[in-house]
Amino acid sequence: MGRKTKVALTLGAAGIAAWAASKAVVKPIPREGKKALEFDKTVILAHRGGLLEAPENTRAAFSKSAALGVNGFAVDVRLTKDEEILVFHDEYADRTTDLVGKISEFTLDELKKANAGCKFEDENGNFSYREKEEQLLSLKELLEEFPHMFISINLNDSPETYEGSLIPSKLWRLIEELGAQDRIVVTSVFDEQTDRFNLYAQSRVATGAGDDEVKKAYTAFTSQFGHLYNPRADLFIIPEKLGIFPLNTEVFIKFLAQLNVPVYYNNVNERDSIVRLINAGAAGFITDRPTFAMEIVQENAGQ
């Protein structure tokens, strides 16, 4: 046996020994549960109020979905020119309203005068809300008008922007003012944003995993050192795939569930996918079609 072979075998044996020792000594630490995430049935959140069924981010959309019996809403927020928190996804107002320009260039009053239903086209190709002058809502209005709804709030502004630097503290102050800590989860693709928010919230509000945390969890899951992974988020809201890597498997859902981290899937609007994920252990769904999703969940209740 050559010297190089001996060294390789020695290193391999050392690696196996280290792995075995870590398995014996280190045990996964489940995440402390949050009241907001305590559901005993599959959770349905209407994405922006249900954007395929009514104009997104409007009272009409949220009211329609609430009447269906959804558990809550998944919304995005942006900061306005006068530093109010608006329920809105895009950086620009153009796509869904009759305004042109960045959300940050308008005051809340100016944005509330916009027609937020004028560009909504239903599945039959009709512009059924064009003349109804639907209004956008501030986050405060949404929380006050739907006090029993669970709401996932996504911080869309980058932490590198002026708006992004301010919104974590402003969001915490609003949540604290309304006493809404136990019915909210705060998320962002930027892990830095939820970290900043938690500097104020001090773990009193559930937080979702950002892109880096999802990658970290998946890497741990696919390695032999998954037992060393300690989640830094209370909830994973994820697509079915991360690039070419599947995030929709029963074993990955179970890996996180054992750490007391439920998994919600977004952008899932097909019957077969929803049923399969329910059977795999998915805790919830964020859907553009709440009517459709509620029907499927009710059909599969108790199965």
Protein backbone atom coordinates (compact mmCIF):
# COMPACT_ATOMS: atom_id res chain seq x y z
CA MET A 1 0.00 0.00 0.00
CA GLY A 2 1.44 3.35 -1.04
CA ARG A 3 1.92 6.35 1.20
CA LYS A 4 -0.82 8.37 -0.55
CA THR A 5 -3.29 5.55 -0.16
CA LYS A 6 -2.51 5.27 3.55
CA VAL A 7 -3.01 9.02 4.03
CA ALA A 8 -6.33 8.91 2.16
CA LEU A 9 -7.57 6.01 4.25
CA THR A 10 -6.48 7.74 7.43
CA LEU A 11 -8.30 10.93 6.50
CA GLY A 12 -11.39 8.97 5.51
CA ALA A 13 -11.39 7.10 8.81
CA ALA A 14 -10.96 10.37 10.69
CA GLY A 15 -13.92 11.88 8.82
CA ILE A 16 -16.12 8.91 9.63
CA ALA A 17 -15.07 9.07 13.26
CA ALA A 18 -15.87 12.78 13.43
CA TRP A 19 -19.28 12.18 11.88
CA ALA A 20 -20.05 9.34 14.28
CA ALA A 21 -18.94 11.41 17.25
CA SER A 22 -21.08 14.36 16.20
CA LYS A 23 -24.11 12.07 15.77
CA ALA A 24 -23.60 10.73 19.28
CA VAL A 25 -23.07 14.10 20.94
CA VAL A 26 -25.06 16.64 18.96
CA LYS A 27 -28.83 16.38 18.80
CA PRO A 28 -31.05 18.58 16.60
CA ILE A 29 -32.72 21.36 18.57
CA PRO A 30 -36.34 21.93 17.49
CA ARG A 31 -37.35 25.52 16.90
CA GLU A 32 -39.50 27.02 19.65
CA GLY A 33 -43.09 27.15 18.39
CA LYS A 34 -44.90 30.39 17.57
CA LYS A 35 -48.60 30.88 18.30
CA ALA A 36 -49.19 32.34 14.82
CA LEU A 37 -48.23 29.01 13.26
CA GLU A 38 -50.42 26.78 15.42
CA PHE A 39 -52.83 25.24 12.92
CA ASP A 40 -54.24 21.72 13.00
CA LYS A 41 -55.36 21.75 9.35
CA THR A 42 -53.82 22.67 6.00
CA VAL A 43 -53.37 26.43 5.82
CA ILE A 44 -54.51 28.40 2.78
CA LEU A 45 -53.21 31.95 2.31
CA ALA A 46 -54.60 34.03 -0.54
CA HIS A 47 -51.64 35.50 -2.43
CA ARG A 48 -52.11 39.29 -2.54
CA GLY A 49 -55.73 38.55 -1.75
CA GLY A 50 -56.08 36.05 -4.60
CA LEU A 51 -54.64 37.84 -7.61
CA LEU A 52 -56.26 35.66 -10.27
CA GLU A 53 -59.75 36.18 -8.85
CA ALA A 54 -59.83 39.91 -8.07
CA PRO A 55 -57.49 42.93 -8.36
CA GLU A 56 -54.46 42.16 -6.23
CA ASN A 57 -53.89 44.02 -2.96
CA THR A 58 -57.36 45.60 -2.95
CA ARG A 59 -60.18 45.42 -0.42
CA ALA A 60 -62.23 43.56 -3.03
CA ALA A 61 -59.66 40.75 -3.24
CA PHE A 62 -59.14 40.42 0.50
CA SER A 63 -62.87 40.49 1.24
CA LYS A 64 -63.64 37.89 -1.40
CA SER A 65 -60.99 35.50 -0.08
CA ALA A 66 -62.00 36.06 3.54
CA ALA A 67 -65.57 35.08 2.63
CA LEU A 68 -64.24 31.77 1.24
CA GLY A 69 -62.85 30.88 4.66
CA VAL A 70 -59.12 31.12 3.90
CA ASN A 71 -56.82 31.23 6.90
CA GLY A 72 -55.26 34.50 5.83
CA PHE A 73 -53.28 36.40 3.25
CA ALA A 74 -49.74 36.48 1.91
CA VAL A 75 -48.79 40.05 1.04
CA ASP A 76 -45.76 42.13 0.15
CA VAL A 77 -45.10 45.61 1.49
CA ARG A 78 -43.38 48.72 0.20
CA LEU A 79 -42.59 52.03 1.84
CA THR A 80 -44.24 55.16 0.42
CA LYS A 81 -42.77 58.64 -0.02
CA ASP A 82 -44.21 59.69 3.35
CA GLU A 83 -42.85 56.48 4.93
CA GLU A 84 -46.13 54.64 5.31
CA ILE A 85 -46.31 50.88 4.76
CA LEU A 86 -48.33 49.99 1.66
CA VAL A 87 -49.57 46.52 0.76
CA PHE A 88 -48.01 46.21 -2.70
CA HIS A 89 -45.67 43.86 -4.53
CA ASP A 90 -44.00 45.74 -7.39
CA GLU A 91 -41.42 48.49 -7.11
CA TYR A 92 -43.45 50.46 -9.67
CA ALA A 93 -47.18 51.23 -9.65
CA ASP A 94 -47.61 50.85 -13.43
CA ARG A 95 -48.59 47.20 -13.83
CA THR A 96 -51.72 47.19 -11.68
CA THR A 97 -52.81 50.84 -11.34
CA ASP A 98 -53.31 53.97 -13.44
CA LEU A 99 -50.23 55.60 -11.87
CA VAL A 100 -46.77 55.68 -13.44
CA GLY A 101 -43.67 55.63 -11.25
CA LYS A 102 -42.11 54.09 -8.18
CA ILE A 103 -44.20 53.45 -5.07
CA SER A 104 -41.56 55.36 -3.12
CA GLU A 105 -42.27 58.46 -5.24
CA PHE A 106 -45.90 58.73 -4.08
CA THR A 107 -47.48 59.51 -0.73
CA LEU A 108 -50.00 57.10 0.73
CA ASP A 109 -52.85 59.51 -0.06
CA GLU A 110 -51.74 59.73 -3.69
CA LEU A 111 -51.57 55.95 -3.95
CA LYS A 112 -55.00 55.52 -2.42
CA LYS A 113 -56.46 57.74 -5.14
CA ALA A 114 -55.15 55.36 -7.81
CA ASN A 115 -57.52 53.00 -9.60
CA ALA A 116 -56.12 49.62 -8.56
CA GLY A 117 -58.68 47.60 -10.49
CA CYS A 118 -58.41 49.18 -13.92
CA LYS A 119 -55.95 46.64 -15.35
CA PHE A 120 -57.33 43.46 -13.78
CA GLU A 121 -58.36 40.92 -16.39
CA ASP A 122 -60.31 37.87 -15.23
CA GLU A 123 -59.95 34.37 -16.62
CA ASN A 124 -62.61 35.11 -19.25
CA GLY A 125 -60.72 38.14 -20.52
CA ASN A 126 -63.08 40.67 -18.96
CA PHE A 127 -61.96 43.87 -17.23
CA SER A 128 -64.71 43.53 -14.65
CA TYR A 129 -63.26 45.96 -12.10
CA ARG A 130 -62.17 48.73 -14.46
CA GLU A 131 -64.98 51.11 -13.46
CA LYS A 132 -65.09 50.21 -9.78
CA GLU A 133 -62.16 52.40 -8.64
CA GLU A 134 -60.71 49.79 -6.32
CA GLN A 135 -58.30 51.20 -3.72
CA LEU A 136 -54.98 49.95 -2.42
CA LEU A 137 -54.65 49.39 1.32
CA SER A 138 -52.04 50.37 3.82
CA LEU A 139 -50.82 47.51 5.98
CA LYS A 140 -52.46 49.14 8.98
CA GLU A 141 -55.83 49.11 7.21
CA LEU A 142 -55.42 45.46 6.26
CA LEU A 143 -54.56 44.43 9.82
CA GLU A 144 -57.41 46.45 11.30
CA GLU A 145 -60.08 45.40 8.79
CA PHE A 146 -59.26 41.68 9.02
CA PRO A 147 -58.35 41.25 12.70
CA HIS A 148 -58.71 37.46 12.80
CA MET A 149 -56.65 36.67 9.73
CA PHE A 150 -53.16 35.19 9.75
CA ILE A 151 -50.95 37.34 7.52
CA SER A 152 -47.59 36.59 5.94
CA ILE A 153 -45.79 39.89 5.33
CA ASN A 154 -42.94 39.88 2.84
CA LEU A 155 -40.40 42.73 2.94
CA ASN A 156 -39.74 43.43 -0.72
CA ASP A 157 -37.47 46.46 -0.46
CA SER A 158 -33.78 45.54 -0.53
CA PRO A 159 -31.85 46.29 2.67
CA GLU A 160 -29.47 48.33 0.50
CA THR A 161 -32.18 50.90 -0.32
CA TYR A 162 -33.35 53.80 1.83
CA GLU A 163 -36.83 52.29 2.07
CA GLY A 164 -35.43 48.88 2.91
CA SER A 165 -33.31 50.28 5.70
CA LEU A 166 -36.34 51.84 7.39
CA ILE A 167 -39.09 49.29 6.95
CA PRO A 168 -38.04 46.63 9.53
CA SER A 169 -38.31 49.07 12.44
CA LYS A 170 -41.47 50.69 11.10
CA LEU A 171 -43.10 47.30 10.64
CA TRP A 172 -42.29 46.25 14.18
CA ARG A 173 -43.73 49.47 15.60
CA LEU A 174 -46.95 48.94 13.68
CA ILE A 175 -47.30 45.32 14.77
CA GLU A 176 -46.65 46.29 18.37
CA GLU A 177 -49.11 49.18 18.18
CA LEU A 178 -51.89 46.89 16.93
CA GLY A 179 -50.98 43.96 19.18
CA ALA A 180 -50.75 41.69 16.14
CA GLN A 181 -47.67 39.71 17.16
CA ASP A 182 -49.48 36.36 17.32
CA ARG A 183 -51.03 36.40 13.85
CA ILE A 184 -48.14 37.42 11.65
CA VAL A 185 -45.08 35.92 10.04
CA VAL A 186 -42.48 38.27 8.54
CA THR A 187 -40.51 37.04 5.54
CA SER A 188 -38.06 38.31 2.94
CA VAL A 189 -35.80 36.80 0.31
CA PHE A 190 -33.14 38.88 2.05
CA ASP A 191 -32.21 37.11 5.31
CA GLU A 192 -30.71 40.40 6.43
CA GLN A 193 -34.16 41.99 6.45
CA THR A 194 -35.71 39.45 8.79
CA ASP A 195 -32.59 39.65 10.98
CA ARG A 196 -33.01 43.42 11.17
CA PHE A 197 -36.70 43.06 11.96
CA ASN A 198 -35.91 40.61 14.74
CA LEU A 199 -33.54 43.09 16.37
CA TYR A 200 -36.72 44.97 17.25
CA ALA A 201 -39.16 42.07 17.61
CA GLN A 202 -36.82 39.92 19.75
CA SER A 203 -38.45 36.67 18.57
CA ARG A 204 -41.94 37.85 19.54
CA VAL A 205 -43.06 37.47 15.91
CA ALA A 206 -42.65 34.44 13.66
CA THR A 207 -40.13 34.85 10.84
CA GLY A 208 -39.73 33.03 7.54
CA ALA A 209 -36.60 31.70 5.91
CA GLY A 210 -34.84 33.81 3.29
CA ASP A 211 -32.99 32.46 0.27
CA ASP A 212 -29.74 31.83 2.14
CA GLU A 213 -31.47 29.97 4.97
CA VAL A 214 -33.34 27.73 2.52
CA LYS A 215 -30.08 26.86 0.77
CA LYS A 216 -28.41 26.20 4.11
CA ALA A 217 -31.21 23.86 5.19
CA TYR A 218 -31.23 21.97 1.92
CA THR A 219 -27.44 21.56 1.99
CA ALA A 220 -27.64 20.19 5.52
CA PHE A 221 -30.48 17.86 4.55
CA THR A 222 -28.58 16.37 1.62
CA SER A 223 -25.35 15.97 3.58
CA GLN A 224 -24.52 13.52 6.34
CA PHE A 225 -24.55 16.38 8.84
CA GLY A 226 -28.23 17.29 8.90
CA HIS A 227 -28.23 16.72 12.66
CA LEU A 228 -25.99 19.79 13.00
CA TYR A 229 -28.50 22.11 11.36
CA ASN A 230 -30.29 24.56 13.65
CA PRO A 231 -32.95 26.60 11.83
CA ARG A 232 -32.94 30.37 12.16
CA ALA A 233 -36.52 30.69 10.90
CA ASP A 234 -39.93 29.55 12.16
CA LEU A 235 -41.46 28.84 8.75
CA PHE A 236 -40.29 27.90 5.27
CA ILE A 237 -42.30 29.38 2.39
CA ILE A 238 -40.74 27.79 -0.66
CA PRO A 239 -41.33 26.75 -4.28
CA GLU A 240 -41.33 23.12 -5.30
CA LYS A 241 -37.82 23.44 -6.72
CA LEU A 242 -34.69 25.44 -6.00
CA GLY A 243 -33.10 25.49 -9.43
CA ILE A 244 -32.78 21.80 -10.26
CA PHE A 245 -33.07 20.69 -6.64
CA PRO A 246 -36.45 19.36 -5.43
CA LEU A 247 -37.83 20.95 -2.26
CA ASN A 248 -41.16 19.16 -2.48
CA THR A 249 -40.21 15.72 -1.18
CA GLU A 250 -41.76 14.05 1.83
CA VAL A 251 -38.34 13.47 3.39
CA PHE A 252 -37.37 17.16 3.18
CA ILE A 253 -40.70 18.23 4.67
CA LYS A 254 -40.20 15.68 7.47
CA PHE A 255 -36.62 16.89 8.05
CA LEU A 256 -37.94 20.39 8.78
CA ALA A 257 -41.04 19.18 10.65
CA GLN A 258 -38.79 17.34 13.12
CA LEU A 259 -37.24 20.73 13.84
CA ASN A 260 -40.73 22.20 14.42
CA VAL A 261 -40.54 24.21 11.20
CA PRO A 262 -43.67 23.91 9.02
CA VAL A 263 -43.42 24.21 5.24
CA TYR A 264 -45.76 26.24 3.02
CA TYR A 265 -45.51 26.05 -0.75
CA ASN A 266 -46.06 28.98 -3.08
CA ASN A 267 -46.87 29.13 -6.79
CA VAL A 268 -48.72 25.82 -6.58
CA ASN A 269 -52.03 26.16 -8.42
CA GLU A 270 -52.58 22.68 -9.89
CA ARG A 271 -54.86 20.10 -8.26
CA ASP A 272 -52.47 17.14 -8.50
CA SER A 273 -49.56 19.12 -7.04
CA ILE A 274 -51.61 20.38 -4.10
CA VAL A 275 -52.96 16.91 -3.27
CA ARG A 276 -49.51 15.33 -3.54
CA LEU A 277 -47.97 17.94 -1.26
CA ILE A 278 -50.77 17.60 1.29
CA ASN A 279 -50.08 13.87 1.41
CA ALA A 280 -46.34 14.57 1.73
CA GLY A 281 -46.94 16.68 4.84
CA ALA A 282 -47.04 20.27 3.56
CA ALA A 283 -48.50 22.53 6.24
CA GLY A 284 -49.92 25.14 3.89
CA PHE A 285 -50.15 26.84 0.53
CA ILE A 286 -49.94 30.36 -0.83
CA THR A 287 -52.23 30.49 -3.81
CA ASP A 288 -53.34 32.88 -6.55
CA ARG A 289 -56.60 30.87 -6.81
CA PRO A 290 -58.06 30.63 -3.29
CA THR A 291 -61.47 29.35 -4.43
CA PHE A 292 -59.83 26.43 -6.20
CA ALA A 293 -57.37 25.72 -3.37
CA MET A 294 -60.10 25.75 -0.72
CA GLU A 295 -62.13 23.22 -2.69
CA ILE A 296 -59.17 20.85 -2.92
CA VAL A 297 -58.29 21.15 0.76
CA GLN A 298 -61.88 20.54 1.81
CA GLU A 299 -62.11 17.51 -0.49
CA ASN A 300 -58.98 16.05 1.08
CA ALA A 301 -59.77 16.90 4.69
CA GLY A 302 -59.37 13.89 6.92
CA GLN A 303 -57.91 11.65 4.23
